[in-house]
């Protein structure tokens, strides 16, 4: 079974940085895009950033200029560099891949990011 496995979460002080990584475990899927979602305490899950197979990136307004998404969609790997972290960035971050043609979503198990002094 294909899974996406995240790593890199943890506790960081406000203003600090973290880098999240995501890679597929198992069969490689043909993703049309990959991205990072997050769900904070008492909040709905939201798309943070995405990258298409053509390299087009998209960010939610609240992270523009602070977060950078990168990766190799063909190899099912994606990264999220997070700088100038704020307490509001505290959330479980989920890696996502959207399969070409079927539009099926594949999810990781999530990694917790806590921004606190």
C-alpha atoms as a PDB file:
ATOM      1  CA  UNK A   1       0.000   0.000   0.000  1.00  0.00           C
ATOM      2  CA  UNK A   2       1.320   3.408  -0.914  1.00  0.00           C
ATOM      3  CA  UNK A   3       1.851   5.732   1.949  1.00  0.00           C
ATOM      4  CA  UNK A   4       3.380   9.123   2.341  1.00  0.00           C
ATOM      5  CA  UNK A   5       5.717   9.465   5.307  1.00  0.00           C
ATOM      6  CA  UNK A   6       6.437  12.860   6.852  1.00  0.00           C
ATOM      7  CA  UNK A   7       9.340  13.852   9.078  1.00  0.00           C
ATOM      8  CA  UNK A   8      10.864  17.012  10.520  1.00  0.00           C
ATOM      9  CA  UNK A   9       8.208  18.255  12.910  1.00  0.00           C
ATOM     10  CA  UNK A  10       8.947  19.308  16.453  1.00  0.00           C
ATOM     11  CA  UNK A  11       9.029  22.146  18.949  1.00  0.00           C
ATOM     12  CA  UNK A  12      10.509  25.457  17.871  1.00  0.00           C
ATOM     13  CA  UNK A  13      10.556  28.951  19.330  1.00  0.00           C
ATOM     14  CA  UNK A  14       8.789  31.839  17.584  1.00  0.00           C
ATOM     15  CA  UNK A  15      10.974  33.168  14.803  1.00  0.00           C
ATOM     16  CA  UNK A  16      12.654  29.812  14.318  1.00  0.00           C
ATOM     17  CA  UNK A  17      12.765  27.467  11.341  1.00  0.00           C
ATOM     18  CA  UNK A  18      11.867  23.884  10.549  1.00  0.00           C
ATOM     19  CA  UNK A  19      12.057  21.781   7.393  1.00  0.00           C
ATOM     20  CA  UNK A  20       9.437  19.143   6.771  1.00  0.00           C
ATOM     21  CA  UNK A  21      10.099  16.232   4.445  1.00  0.00           C
ATOM     22  CA  UNK A  22       7.730  13.788   2.792  1.00  0.00           C
ATOM     23  CA  UNK A  23       8.458  10.704   0.731  1.00  0.00           C
ATOM     24  CA  UNK A  24       6.420   7.808  -0.603  1.00  0.00           C
ATOM     25  CA  UNK A  25       6.745   4.385   0.957  1.00  0.00           C
ATOM     26  CA  UNK A  26       5.891   1.597  -1.429  1.00  0.00           C
ATOM     27  CA  UNK A  27       4.857   1.834  -5.047  1.00  0.00           C
ATOM     28  CA  UNK A  28       5.534   5.129  -6.761  1.00  0.00           C
ATOM     29  CA  UNK A  29       2.379   6.920  -7.886  1.00  0.00           C
ATOM     30  CA  UNK A  30       2.033   9.333 -10.761  1.00  0.00           C
ATOM     31  CA  UNK A  31       1.053  12.445  -8.876  1.00  0.00           C
ATOM     32  CA  UNK A  32      -0.217  15.546 -10.656  1.00  0.00           C
ATOM     33  CA  UNK A  33       0.649  17.606  -7.599  1.00  0.00           C
ATOM     34  CA  UNK A  34       1.851  17.321  -4.026  1.00  0.00           C
ATOM     35  CA  UNK A  35       1.294  19.597  -1.115  1.00  0.00           C
ATOM     36  CA  UNK A  36       1.200  20.283   2.584  1.00  0.00           C
ATOM     37  CA  UNK A  37      -1.965  20.755   4.617  1.00  0.00           C
ATOM     38  CA  UNK A  38      -2.246  21.614   8.286  1.00  0.00           C
ATOM     39  CA  UNK A  39      -4.837  21.396  11.015  1.00  0.00           C
ATOM     40  CA  UNK A  40      -4.413  23.540  14.083  1.00  0.00           C
ATOM     41  CA  UNK A  41      -6.215  23.125  17.418  1.00  0.00           C
ATOM     42  CA  UNK A  42      -9.926  23.738  16.901  1.00  0.00           C
ATOM     43  CA  UNK A  43      -9.409  24.605  13.229  1.00  0.00           C
ATOM     44  CA  UNK A  44     -10.291  22.986   9.933  1.00  0.00           C
ATOM     45  CA  UNK A  45      -7.637  21.430   7.763  1.00  0.00           C
ATOM     46  CA  UNK A  46      -6.246  23.948   5.284  1.00  0.00           C
ATOM     47  CA  UNK A  47      -3.943  23.826   2.303  1.00  0.00           C
ATOM     48  CA  UNK A  48      -0.639  25.479   3.188  1.00  0.00           C
ATOM     49  CA  UNK A  49       1.325  25.032  -0.024  1.00  0.00           C
ATOM     50  CA  UNK A  50       1.284  22.931  -3.159  1.00  0.00           C
ATOM     51  CA  UNK A  51       3.534  22.211  -6.112  1.00  0.00           C
ATOM     52  CA  UNK A  52       2.461  20.822  -9.459  1.00  0.00           C
ATOM     53  CA  UNK A  53       4.328  18.395 -11.665  1.00  0.00           C
ATOM     54  CA  UNK A  54       5.188  21.406 -13.788  1.00  0.00           C
ATOM     55  CA  UNK A  55       6.762  23.182 -10.825  1.00  0.00           C
ATOM     56  CA  UNK A  56       3.999  25.720 -10.216  1.00  0.00           C
ATOM     57  CA  UNK A  57       3.719  26.580  -6.541  1.00  0.00           C
ATOM     58  CA  UNK A  58       0.827  27.949  -4.534  1.00  0.00           C
ATOM     59  CA  UNK A  59       0.694  29.242  -0.946  1.00  0.00           C
ATOM     60  CA  UNK A  60      -1.969  30.279   1.510  1.00  0.00           C
ATOM     61  CA  UNK A  61      -1.635  34.015   2.177  1.00  0.00           C
ATOM     62  CA  UNK A  62      -0.632  33.569   5.817  1.00  0.00           C
ATOM     63  CA  UNK A  63       2.641  31.794   4.913  1.00  0.00           C
ATOM     64  CA  UNK A  64       3.706  33.693   1.798  1.00  0.00           C
ATOM     65  CA  UNK A  65       7.245  34.957   2.139  1.00  0.00           C
ATOM     66  CA  UNK A  66       7.953  32.621   5.062  1.00  0.00           C
ATOM     67  CA  UNK A  67       7.409  29.088   3.732  1.00  0.00           C
ATOM     68  CA  UNK A  68       8.885  27.493   0.622  1.00  0.00           C
ATOM     69  CA  UNK A  69       7.707  24.264  -0.968  1.00  0.00           C
ATOM     70  CA  UNK A  70      10.002  22.204  -3.162  1.00  0.00           C
ATOM     71  CA  UNK A  71      10.336  18.643  -4.337  1.00  0.00           C
ATOM     72  CA  UNK A  72      10.470  16.094  -7.098  1.00  0.00           C
ATOM     73  CA  UNK A  73       6.931  15.034  -7.953  1.00  0.00           C
ATOM     74  CA  UNK A  74       8.139  12.193 -10.165  1.00  0.00           C
ATOM     75  CA  UNK A  75       9.996  10.723  -7.188  1.00  0.00           C
ATOM     76  CA  UNK A  76       7.074  11.461  -4.826  1.00  0.00           C
ATOM     77  CA  UNK A  77       9.167  13.681  -2.560  1.00  0.00           C
ATOM     78  CA  UNK A  78       8.198  17.104  -1.260  1.00  0.00           C
ATOM     79  CA  UNK A  79       9.661  19.480   1.317  1.00  0.00           C
ATOM     80  CA  UNK A  80       8.407  22.480   3.227  1.00  0.00           C
ATOM     81  CA  UNK A  81      10.956  24.992   4.506  1.00  0.00           C
ATOM     82  CA  UNK A  82       9.303  27.038   7.230  1.00  0.00           C
ATOM     83  CA  UNK A  83      10.990  30.235   8.430  1.00  0.00           C
ATOM     84  CA  UNK A  84       9.920  32.975  10.817  1.00  0.00           C
ATOM     85  CA  UNK A  85       7.536  30.596  12.502  1.00  0.00           C
ATOM     86  CA  UNK A  86       4.692  31.992  14.571  1.00  0.00           C
ATOM     87  CA  UNK A  87       2.550  30.423  17.304  1.00  0.00           C
ATOM     88  CA  UNK A  88      -0.350  30.432  14.809  1.00  0.00           C
ATOM     89  CA  UNK A  89       1.632  27.972  12.678  1.00  0.00           C
ATOM     90  CA  UNK A  90       1.206  25.360  15.389  1.00  0.00           C
ATOM     91  CA  UNK A  91      -0.596  22.426  13.791  1.00  0.00           C
ATOM     92  CA  UNK A  92      -0.350  18.891  12.570  1.00  0.00           C
ATOM     93  CA  UNK A  93       1.093  19.086   9.066  1.00  0.00           C
ATOM     94  CA  UNK A  94      -0.001  16.505   6.508  1.00  0.00           C
ATOM     95  CA  UNK A  95       1.663  15.600   3.246  1.00  0.00           C
ATOM     96  CA  UNK A  96      -0.672  15.048   0.303  1.00  0.00           C
ATOM     97  CA  UNK A  97      -0.349  13.701  -3.203  1.00  0.00           C
ATOM     98  CA  UNK A  98      -3.069  13.958  -5.827  1.00  0.00           C
ATOM     99  CA  UNK A  99      -2.970  11.127  -8.342  1.00  0.00           C
ATOM    100  CA  UNK A 100      -2.955  11.986 -12.011  1.00  0.00           C
ATOM    101  CA  UNK A 101      -6.128  11.117 -13.970  1.00  0.00           C
ATOM    102  CA  UNK A 102      -8.031   9.671 -10.984  1.00  0.00           C
ATOM    103  CA  UNK A 103      -7.610  12.710  -8.707  1.00  0.00           C
ATOM    104  CA  UNK A 104      -7.400  10.339  -5.730  1.00  0.00           C
ATOM    105  CA  UNK A 105      -5.738  11.868  -2.669  1.00  0.00           C
ATOM    106  CA  UNK A 106      -2.989  10.025  -0.821  1.00  0.00           C
ATOM    107  CA  UNK A 107      -2.161  11.258   2.684  1.00  0.00           C
ATOM    108  CA  UNK A 108       0.600  10.943   5.213  1.00  0.00           C
ATOM    109  CA  UNK A 109      -0.001  10.313   8.908  1.00  0.00           C
ATOM    110  CA  UNK A 110       0.902  13.864   9.900  1.00  0.00           C
ATOM    111  CA  UNK A 111       3.743  15.471  11.830  1.00  0.00           C
ATOM    112  CA  UNK A 112       3.233  17.887  14.721  1.00  0.00           C
ATOM    113  CA  UNK A 113       4.767  21.349  14.603  1.00  0.00           C
ATOM    114  CA  UNK A 114       4.595  23.338  17.822  1.00  0.00           C
ATOM    115  CA  UNK A 115       5.731  26.960  17.891  1.00  0.00           C
ATOM    116  CA  UNK A 116       6.074  28.143  21.456  1.00  0.00           C
ATOM    117  CA  UNK A 117       8.479  29.894  23.783  1.00  0.00           C
END
